[in-house]
Amino acid sequence: MFLKKKSFLNIIDKTPLCSIDILINTKNKYIFGLRKNKPASEYYFVPGGRILKNEIYEMTIKRILKNELGLSINNLKFKIIGIYNHIYRNNFFNVKNINTHYFVCAIEIKLKDQIKLIKDSQHKKFILLTKTEALNHKRVHKFTKNYLKNK
């Protein structure tokens, strides 16, 4: 379900957004996308997104993997890393005086095979980094680094 700008902005202003972030481990490297959109634009972040109304979390995970990486996983197995609050000073629409609050369930998925990284509408590019490389990278977002520290 897609919302009109005014409705979505009202939700952002009044409530936290529930989301799932996915730390994808492929051969001890992790996938990060350079975000185009606010919040967290110009930072590398893990794939993730809002949970849509009436969408069970397994479907959210599958939708995110398909939309952001072109992946279809039938037998979905993951590990919960933790629950996080991400609070940003800005919002997707860049409207002043409205911050964004995400209530995030962060998970990890391990893939046995290397995947081909695709371009999507939310990211400028994707990179693969080891845990150490990501923790030391200046443009990997601090919230993403917290996932790596807590896994």
N, C-alpha and C. Protein backbone atom coordinates (compact mmCIF):
# COMPACT_ATOMS: atom_id res chain seq x y z
N MET A 1 0.85 -1.18 0.00
CA MET A 1 0.00 0.00 0.00
C MET A 1 0.89 1.24 0.00
N PHE A 2 0.70 2.09 -0.97
CA PHE A 2 1.47 3.32 -1.05
C PHE A 2 0.59 4.48 -0.61
N LEU A 3 1.18 5.34 0.18
CA LEU A 3 0.46 6.47 0.75
C LEU A 3 0.77 7.75 -0.02
N LYS A 4 -0.19 8.66 -0.03
CA LYS A 4 0.07 9.98 -0.59
C LYS A 4 1.03 10.71 0.34
N LYS A 5 1.75 11.68 -0.23
CA LYS A 5 2.77 12.41 0.53
C LYS A 5 2.22 12.97 1.83
N LYS A 6 1.09 13.64 1.78
CA LYS A 6 0.53 14.28 2.98
C LYS A 6 0.22 13.26 4.07
N SER A 7 -0.35 12.13 3.70
CA SER A 7 -0.68 11.08 4.67
C SER A 7 0.59 10.48 5.27
N PHE A 8 1.56 10.17 4.41
CA PHE A 8 2.80 9.56 4.90
C PHE A 8 3.56 10.54 5.79
N LEU A 9 3.61 11.79 5.41
CA LEU A 9 4.29 12.80 6.24
C LEU A 9 3.62 12.93 7.60
N ASN A 10 2.30 12.86 7.65
CA ASN A 10 1.58 12.90 8.91
C ASN A 10 1.94 11.70 9.80
N ILE A 11 2.07 10.53 9.19
CA ILE A 11 2.48 9.34 9.93
C ILE A 11 3.90 9.51 10.47
N ILE A 12 4.81 9.98 9.63
CA ILE A 12 6.19 10.21 10.06
C ILE A 12 6.22 11.19 11.23
N ASP A 13 5.40 12.22 11.16
CA ASP A 13 5.37 13.25 12.20
C ASP A 13 4.79 12.74 13.52
N LYS A 14 3.84 11.82 13.46
CA LYS A 14 3.09 11.43 14.66
C LYS A 14 3.47 10.09 15.26
N THR A 15 4.08 9.19 14.48
CA THR A 15 4.34 7.84 14.99
C THR A 15 5.71 7.33 14.55
N PRO A 16 6.21 6.31 15.25
CA PRO A 16 7.40 5.64 14.73
C PRO A 16 7.02 4.74 13.55
N LEU A 17 7.95 4.53 12.67
CA LEU A 17 7.76 3.60 11.56
C LEU A 17 8.37 2.27 11.96
N CYS A 18 7.65 1.19 11.78
CA CYS A 18 8.16 -0.15 12.08
C CYS A 18 8.87 -0.68 10.84
N SER A 19 10.09 -1.18 11.03
CA SER A 19 10.86 -1.61 9.87
C SER A 19 11.74 -2.82 10.20
N ILE A 20 12.26 -3.41 9.15
CA ILE A 20 13.20 -4.52 9.26
C ILE A 20 14.44 -4.15 8.47
N ASP A 21 15.61 -4.29 9.10
CA ASP A 21 16.89 -4.11 8.42
C ASP A 21 17.56 -5.47 8.34
N ILE A 22 18.22 -5.73 7.20
CA ILE A 22 18.75 -7.06 6.93
C ILE A 22 20.26 -6.99 6.70
N LEU A 23 21.00 -7.54 7.63
CA LEU A 23 22.44 -7.70 7.49
C LEU A 23 22.67 -8.99 6.73
N ILE A 24 23.17 -8.89 5.51
CA ILE A 24 23.34 -10.06 4.66
C ILE A 24 24.81 -10.45 4.64
N ASN A 25 25.08 -11.64 5.13
CA ASN A 25 26.44 -12.18 5.21
C ASN A 25 26.62 -13.17 4.06
N THR A 26 27.54 -12.86 3.18
CA THR A 26 27.86 -13.75 2.08
C THR A 26 29.37 -13.96 2.06
N LYS A 27 29.78 -15.16 2.47
CA LYS A 27 31.20 -15.52 2.53
C LYS A 27 31.98 -14.53 3.39
N ASN A 28 31.45 -14.21 4.58
CA ASN A 28 32.06 -13.32 5.56
C ASN A 28 32.25 -11.89 5.07
N LYS A 29 31.46 -11.50 4.11
CA LYS A 29 31.37 -10.10 3.69
C LYS A 29 29.91 -9.70 3.78
N TYR A 30 29.68 -8.41 3.98
CA TYR A 30 28.33 -7.90 4.18
C TYR A 30 27.99 -6.91 3.07
N ILE A 31 26.71 -6.87 2.74
CA ILE A 31 26.22 -6.02 1.65
C ILE A 31 25.72 -4.69 2.21
N PHE A 32 26.22 -3.59 1.64
CA PHE A 32 25.81 -2.25 2.04
C PHE A 32 25.46 -1.46 0.80
N GLY A 33 24.37 -0.69 0.88
CA GLY A 33 23.98 0.16 -0.23
C GLY A 33 24.17 1.63 0.12
N LEU A 34 24.69 2.40 -0.83
CA LEU A 34 24.85 3.84 -0.65
C LEU A 34 23.50 4.50 -0.91
N ARG A 35 22.87 4.98 0.15
CA ARG A 35 21.49 5.49 0.08
C ARG A 35 21.38 6.80 -0.69
N LYS A 36 20.34 6.87 -1.52
CA LYS A 36 20.01 8.11 -2.23
C LYS A 36 19.09 8.99 -1.41
N ASN A 37 18.18 8.37 -0.66
CA ASN A 37 17.09 9.09 0.00
C ASN A 37 17.37 9.41 1.46
N LYS A 38 16.73 10.47 1.94
CA LYS A 38 16.75 10.80 3.35
C LYS A 38 15.78 9.87 4.06
N PRO A 39 15.93 9.57 5.29
CA PRO A 39 17.10 9.91 6.09
C PRO A 39 18.26 8.97 5.75
N ALA A 40 19.42 9.31 6.20
CA ALA A 40 20.66 8.53 6.00
C ALA A 40 21.15 8.55 4.55
N SER A 41 20.76 9.57 3.79
CA SER A 41 21.28 9.66 2.42
C SER A 41 22.79 9.89 2.46
N GLU A 42 23.45 9.37 1.44
CA GLU A 42 24.90 9.44 1.28
C GLU A 42 25.68 8.59 2.29
N TYR A 43 24.99 7.69 2.97
CA TYR A 43 25.64 6.72 3.85
C TYR A 43 25.36 5.32 3.33
N TYR A 44 26.30 4.42 3.62
CA TYR A 44 26.08 3.01 3.34
C TYR A 44 25.25 2.42 4.46
N PHE A 45 24.24 1.67 4.07
CA PHE A 45 23.30 1.09 5.02
C PHE A 45 22.93 -0.30 4.52
N VAL A 46 22.48 -1.15 5.41
CA VAL A 46 22.01 -2.48 5.01
C VAL A 46 20.65 -2.34 4.31
N PRO A 47 20.28 -3.33 3.49
CA PRO A 47 18.93 -3.31 2.92
C PRO A 47 17.89 -3.34 4.04
N GLY A 48 16.79 -2.67 3.81
CA GLY A 48 15.75 -2.65 4.83
C GLY A 48 14.57 -1.84 4.37
N GLY A 49 13.54 -1.84 5.20
CA GLY A 49 12.37 -1.07 4.86
C GLY A 49 11.24 -1.23 5.84
N ARG A 50 10.22 -0.39 5.63
CA ARG A 50 9.04 -0.40 6.49
C ARG A 50 8.25 -1.70 6.34
N ILE A 51 7.60 -2.07 7.42
CA ILE A 51 6.62 -3.14 7.37
C ILE A 51 5.31 -2.50 6.95
N LEU A 52 4.72 -3.00 5.88
CA LEU A 52 3.47 -2.43 5.37
C LEU A 52 2.28 -2.98 6.15
N LYS A 53 1.21 -2.23 6.17
CA LYS A 53 -0.02 -2.63 6.85
C LYS A 53 -0.47 -4.01 6.36
N ASN A 54 -0.77 -4.89 7.31
CA ASN A 54 -1.24 -6.26 7.05
C ASN A 54 -0.19 -7.15 6.39
N GLU A 55 1.07 -6.77 6.44
CA GLU A 55 2.14 -7.56 5.86
C GLU A 55 2.87 -8.28 7.00
N ILE A 56 2.87 -9.60 6.97
CA ILE A 56 3.60 -10.34 8.01
C ILE A 56 5.10 -10.19 7.76
N TYR A 57 5.88 -10.32 8.83
CA TYR A 57 7.30 -9.97 8.71
C TYR A 57 8.06 -10.81 7.69
N GLU A 58 7.69 -12.10 7.51
CA GLU A 58 8.38 -12.90 6.49
C GLU A 58 8.18 -12.31 5.09
N MET A 59 6.98 -11.80 4.85
CA MET A 59 6.71 -11.19 3.55
C MET A 59 7.48 -9.87 3.39
N THR A 60 7.61 -9.13 4.49
CA THR A 60 8.40 -7.90 4.45
C THR A 60 9.84 -8.21 4.06
N ILE A 61 10.42 -9.22 4.70
CA ILE A 61 11.81 -9.60 4.41
C ILE A 61 11.95 -10.00 2.95
N LYS A 62 11.04 -10.84 2.47
CA LYS A 62 11.11 -11.29 1.07
C LYS A 62 10.94 -10.12 0.10
N ARG A 63 10.04 -9.19 0.42
CA ARG A 63 9.82 -8.01 -0.44
C ARG A 63 11.09 -7.15 -0.51
N ILE A 64 11.69 -6.90 0.64
CA ILE A 64 12.92 -6.09 0.68
C ILE A 64 14.03 -6.75 -0.13
N LEU A 65 14.22 -8.05 0.08
CA LEU A 65 15.27 -8.77 -0.66
C LEU A 65 15.03 -8.72 -2.16
N LYS A 66 13.78 -8.86 -2.57
CA LYS A 66 13.45 -8.84 -4.00
C LYS A 66 13.61 -7.44 -4.58
N ASN A 67 13.05 -6.43 -3.89
CA ASN A 67 13.06 -5.07 -4.43
C ASN A 67 14.44 -4.43 -4.42
N GLU A 68 15.23 -4.68 -3.37
CA GLU A 68 16.51 -4.00 -3.26
C GLU A 68 17.67 -4.78 -3.85
N LEU A 69 17.56 -6.12 -3.89
CA LEU A 69 18.68 -6.92 -4.36
C LEU A 69 18.35 -7.91 -5.46
N GLY A 70 17.06 -8.01 -5.82
CA GLY A 70 16.67 -8.96 -6.84
C GLY A 70 16.73 -10.40 -6.39
N LEU A 71 16.73 -10.64 -5.08
CA LEU A 71 16.84 -12.00 -4.53
C LEU A 71 15.47 -12.59 -4.23
N SER A 72 15.32 -13.86 -4.55
CA SER A 72 14.13 -14.62 -4.15
C SER A 72 14.60 -15.79 -3.30
N ILE A 73 14.19 -15.80 -2.05
CA ILE A 73 14.58 -16.85 -1.12
C ILE A 73 13.32 -17.56 -0.64
N ASN A 74 13.22 -18.84 -0.96
CA ASN A 74 12.03 -19.60 -0.58
C ASN A 74 12.10 -20.07 0.88
N ASN A 75 13.18 -20.71 1.24
CA ASN A 75 13.34 -21.25 2.59
C ASN A 75 14.08 -20.23 3.44
N LEU A 76 13.37 -19.22 3.89
CA LEU A 76 13.96 -18.09 4.59
C LEU A 76 14.38 -18.46 6.02
N LYS A 77 15.68 -18.32 6.29
CA LYS A 77 16.20 -18.54 7.64
C LYS A 77 17.00 -17.30 8.03
N PHE A 78 16.75 -16.83 9.24
CA PHE A 78 17.45 -15.64 9.70
C PHE A 78 17.62 -15.69 11.21
N LYS A 79 18.50 -14.82 11.68
CA LYS A 79 18.74 -14.68 13.11
C LYS A 79 18.46 -13.23 13.49
N ILE A 80 17.74 -13.03 14.58
CA ILE A 80 17.48 -11.66 15.05
C ILE A 80 18.72 -11.13 15.75
N ILE A 81 19.18 -9.98 15.31
CA ILE A 81 20.32 -9.31 15.94
C ILE A 81 19.85 -8.50 17.14
N GLY A 82 18.73 -7.80 16.97
CA GLY A 82 18.21 -6.98 18.06
C GLY A 82 17.14 -6.02 17.59
N ILE A 83 16.60 -5.32 18.56
CA ILE A 83 15.58 -4.29 18.32
C ILE A 83 16.23 -2.94 18.60
N TYR A 84 16.00 -1.99 17.70
CA TYR A 84 16.68 -0.70 17.77
C TYR A 84 15.69 0.45 17.53
N ASN A 85 16.02 1.61 18.06
CA ASN A 85 15.35 2.85 17.73
C ASN A 85 16.32 3.70 16.92
N HIS A 86 15.91 4.10 15.74
CA HIS A 86 16.70 5.00 14.91
C HIS A 86 15.93 6.31 14.82
N ILE A 87 16.52 7.36 15.31
CA ILE A 87 15.88 8.67 15.25
C ILE A 87 16.76 9.61 14.44
N TYR A 88 16.17 10.15 13.39
CA TYR A 88 16.86 11.06 12.48
C TYR A 88 16.24 12.44 12.61
N ARG A 89 17.04 13.44 12.39
CA ARG A 89 16.55 14.83 12.46
C ARG A 89 15.72 15.22 11.26
N ASN A 90 15.86 14.48 10.15
CA ASN A 90 15.15 14.85 8.93
C ASN A 90 14.16 13.77 8.54
N ASN A 91 13.59 13.90 7.34
CA ASN A 91 12.59 12.95 6.85
C ASN A 91 12.74 12.81 5.34
N PHE A 92 12.11 11.79 4.80
CA PHE A 92 12.17 11.47 3.38
C PHE A 92 11.83 12.67 2.49
N PHE A 93 10.88 13.48 2.92
CA PHE A 93 10.40 14.61 2.11
C PHE A 93 11.17 15.90 2.37
N ASN A 94 12.10 15.87 3.33
CA ASN A 94 12.92 17.03 3.67
C ASN A 94 12.08 18.22 4.15
N VAL A 95 10.98 17.92 4.84
CA VAL A 95 10.13 18.97 5.41
C VAL A 95 10.72 19.36 6.76
N LYS A 96 10.90 20.65 6.96
CA LYS A 96 11.52 21.14 8.20
C LYS A 96 10.68 20.81 9.43
N ASN A 97 11.38 20.62 10.54
CA ASN A 97 10.79 20.40 11.87
C ASN A 97 10.01 19.09 12.00
N ILE A 98 10.26 18.15 11.11
CA ILE A 98 9.67 16.80 11.25
C ILE A 98 10.82 15.80 11.20
N ASN A 99 11.01 15.09 12.32
CA ASN A 99 12.06 14.08 12.35
C ASN A 99 11.44 12.72 11.99
N THR A 100 12.30 11.73 11.87
CA THR A 100 11.86 10.37 11.56
C THR A 100 12.32 9.44 12.66
N HIS A 101 11.41 8.60 13.13
CA HIS A 101 11.71 7.61 14.17
C HIS A 101 11.35 6.23 13.62
N TYR A 102 12.37 5.38 13.50
CA TYR A 102 12.15 3.99 13.10
C TYR A 102 12.29 3.09 14.31
N PHE A 103 11.37 2.17 14.46
CA PHE A 103 11.47 1.07 15.43
C PHE A 103 11.87 -0.13 14.58
N VAL A 104 13.11 -0.59 14.74
CA VAL A 104 13.72 -1.52 13.80
C VAL A 104 13.99 -2.88 14.43
N CYS A 105 13.60 -3.92 13.71
CA CYS A 105 14.06 -5.28 14.03
C CYS A 105 15.18 -5.58 13.04
N ALA A 106 16.40 -5.73 13.56
CA ALA A 106 17.55 -6.03 12.71
C ALA A 106 17.78 -7.54 12.71
N ILE A 107 17.95 -8.08 11.50
CA ILE A 107 18.17 -9.52 11.36
C ILE A 107 19.42 -9.78 10.53
N GLU A 108 19.92 -11.01 10.61
CA GLU A 108 21.04 -11.43 9.77
C GLU A 108 20.61 -12.64 8.96
N ILE A 109 20.97 -12.62 7.69
CA ILE A 109 20.76 -13.74 6.79
C ILE A 109 22.13 -14.14 6.24
N LYS A 110 22.41 -15.44 6.27
CA LYS A 110 23.67 -15.94 5.69
C LYS A 110 23.37 -16.60 4.36
N LEU A 111 24.11 -16.18 3.35
CA LEU A 111 23.99 -16.77 2.02
C LEU A 111 25.27 -17.52 1.71
N LYS A 112 25.13 -18.72 1.15
CA LYS A 112 26.31 -19.54 0.83
C LYS A 112 27.02 -19.05 -0.41
N ASP A 113 26.26 -18.53 -1.35
CA ASP A 113 26.83 -18.11 -2.63
C ASP A 113 26.94 -16.61 -2.72
N GLN A 114 27.94 -16.15 -3.45
CA GLN A 114 28.09 -14.73 -3.75
C GLN A 114 26.91 -14.32 -4.62
N ILE A 115 26.42 -13.12 -4.43
CA ILE A 115 25.30 -12.66 -5.26
C ILE A 115 25.75 -11.51 -6.14
N LYS A 116 25.05 -11.35 -7.24
CA LYS A 116 25.30 -10.22 -8.13
C LYS A 116 24.52 -9.04 -7.58
N LEU A 117 25.22 -7.95 -7.31
CA LEU A 117 24.58 -6.77 -6.74
C LEU A 117 23.95 -5.95 -7.87
N ILE A 118 22.67 -5.61 -7.68
CA ILE A 118 21.94 -4.85 -8.69
C ILE A 118 21.77 -3.41 -8.23
N LYS A 119 21.35 -2.56 -9.15
CA LYS A 119 21.00 -1.19 -8.79
C LYS A 119 19.50 -1.11 -8.61
N ASP A 120 19.09 -0.37 -7.58
CA ASP A 120 17.66 -0.14 -7.39
C ASP A 120 17.42 1.35 -7.25
N SER A 121 16.18 1.74 -7.00
CA SER A 121 15.83 3.15 -6.96
C SER A 121 16.28 3.85 -5.67
N GLN A 122 16.66 3.09 -4.65
CA GLN A 122 17.01 3.69 -3.36
C GLN A 122 18.52 3.85 -3.14
N HIS A 123 19.32 3.19 -3.96
CA HIS A 123 20.76 3.17 -3.73
C HIS A 123 21.54 3.59 -4.97
N LYS A 124 22.64 4.30 -4.75
CA LYS A 124 23.52 4.67 -5.85
C LYS A 124 24.36 3.48 -6.28
N LYS A 125 24.79 2.69 -5.28
CA LYS A 125 25.58 1.50 -5.58
C LYS A 125 25.61 0.62 -4.33
N PHE A 126 26.07 -0.61 -4.50
CA PHE A 126 26.26 -1.55 -3.41
C PHE A 126 27.72 -1.94 -3.32
N ILE A 127 28.16 -2.24 -2.09
CA ILE A 127 29.52 -2.73 -1.88
C ILE A 127 29.48 -3.91 -0.91
N LEU A 128 30.53 -4.72 -0.96
CA LEU A 128 30.72 -5.81 -0.02
C LEU A 128 31.92 -5.47 0.85
N LEU A 129 31.75 -5.57 2.18
CA LEU A 129 32.82 -5.28 3.12
C LEU A 129 32.87 -6.35 4.20
N THR A 130 34.07 -6.61 4.69
CA THR A 130 34.19 -7.46 5.87
C THR A 130 33.70 -6.67 7.08
N LYS A 131 33.51 -7.35 8.19
CA LYS A 131 33.07 -6.67 9.41
C LYS A 131 34.05 -5.57 9.80
N THR A 132 35.34 -5.88 9.78
CA THR A 132 36.37 -4.89 10.14
C THR A 132 36.36 -3.70 9.19
N GLU A 133 36.27 -3.99 7.89
CA GLU A 133 36.23 -2.90 6.90
C GLU A 133 35.02 -1.99 7.13
N ALA A 134 33.87 -2.60 7.40
CA ALA A 134 32.65 -1.82 7.61
C ALA A 134 32.74 -0.97 8.88
N LEU A 135 33.25 -1.55 9.94
CA LEU A 135 33.36 -0.80 11.20
C LEU A 135 34.32 0.37 11.09
N ASN A 136 35.28 0.28 10.19
CA ASN A 136 36.26 1.36 10.00
C ASN A 136 35.92 2.31 8.87
N HIS A 137 34.88 1.99 8.11
CA HIS A 137 34.51 2.81 6.95
C HIS A 137 33.76 4.06 7.42
N LYS A 138 34.19 5.24 6.96
CA LYS A 138 33.60 6.50 7.43
C LYS A 138 32.18 6.72 6.93
N ARG A 139 31.81 6.08 5.84
CA ARG A 139 30.46 6.32 5.29
C ARG A 139 29.48 5.19 5.57
N VAL A 140 29.91 4.17 6.31
CA VAL A 140 28.94 3.18 6.79
C VAL A 140 28.26 3.81 7.99
N HIS A 141 26.93 3.86 7.96
CA HIS A 141 26.16 4.57 8.98
C HIS A 141 26.35 3.94 10.36
N LYS A 142 26.35 4.78 11.38
CA LYS A 142 26.56 4.30 12.76
C LYS A 142 25.51 3.29 13.19
N PHE A 143 24.28 3.42 12.71
CA PHE A 143 23.24 2.45 13.08
C PHE A 143 23.57 1.07 12.51
N THR A 144 24.09 1.04 11.28
CA THR A 144 24.51 -0.22 10.68
C THR A 144 25.70 -0.80 11.42
N LYS A 145 26.61 0.04 11.82
CA LYS A 145 27.77 -0.44 12.59
C LYS A 145 27.32 -1.08 13.90
N ASN A 146 26.25 -0.56 14.50
CA ASN A 146 25.73 -1.16 15.74
C ASN A 146 25.29 -2.60 15.51
N TYR A 147 24.70 -2.90 14.35
CA TYR A 147 24.31 -4.28 14.05
C TYR A 147 25.53 -5.19 14.08
N LEU A 148 26.59 -4.74 13.44
CA LEU A 148 27.81 -5.55 13.37
C LEU A 148 28.42 -5.75 14.75
N LYS A 149 28.37 -4.71 15.57
CA LYS A 149 28.94 -4.81 16.92
C LYS A 149 28.13 -5.76 17.81
N ASN A 150 26.84 -5.87 17.56
CA ASN A 150 25.96 -6.65 18.44
C ASN A 150 25.66 -8.06 17.94
N LYS A 151 26.22 -8.46 16.83
CA LYS A 151 25.91 -9.80 16.33
C LYS A 151 26.86 -10.85 16.88
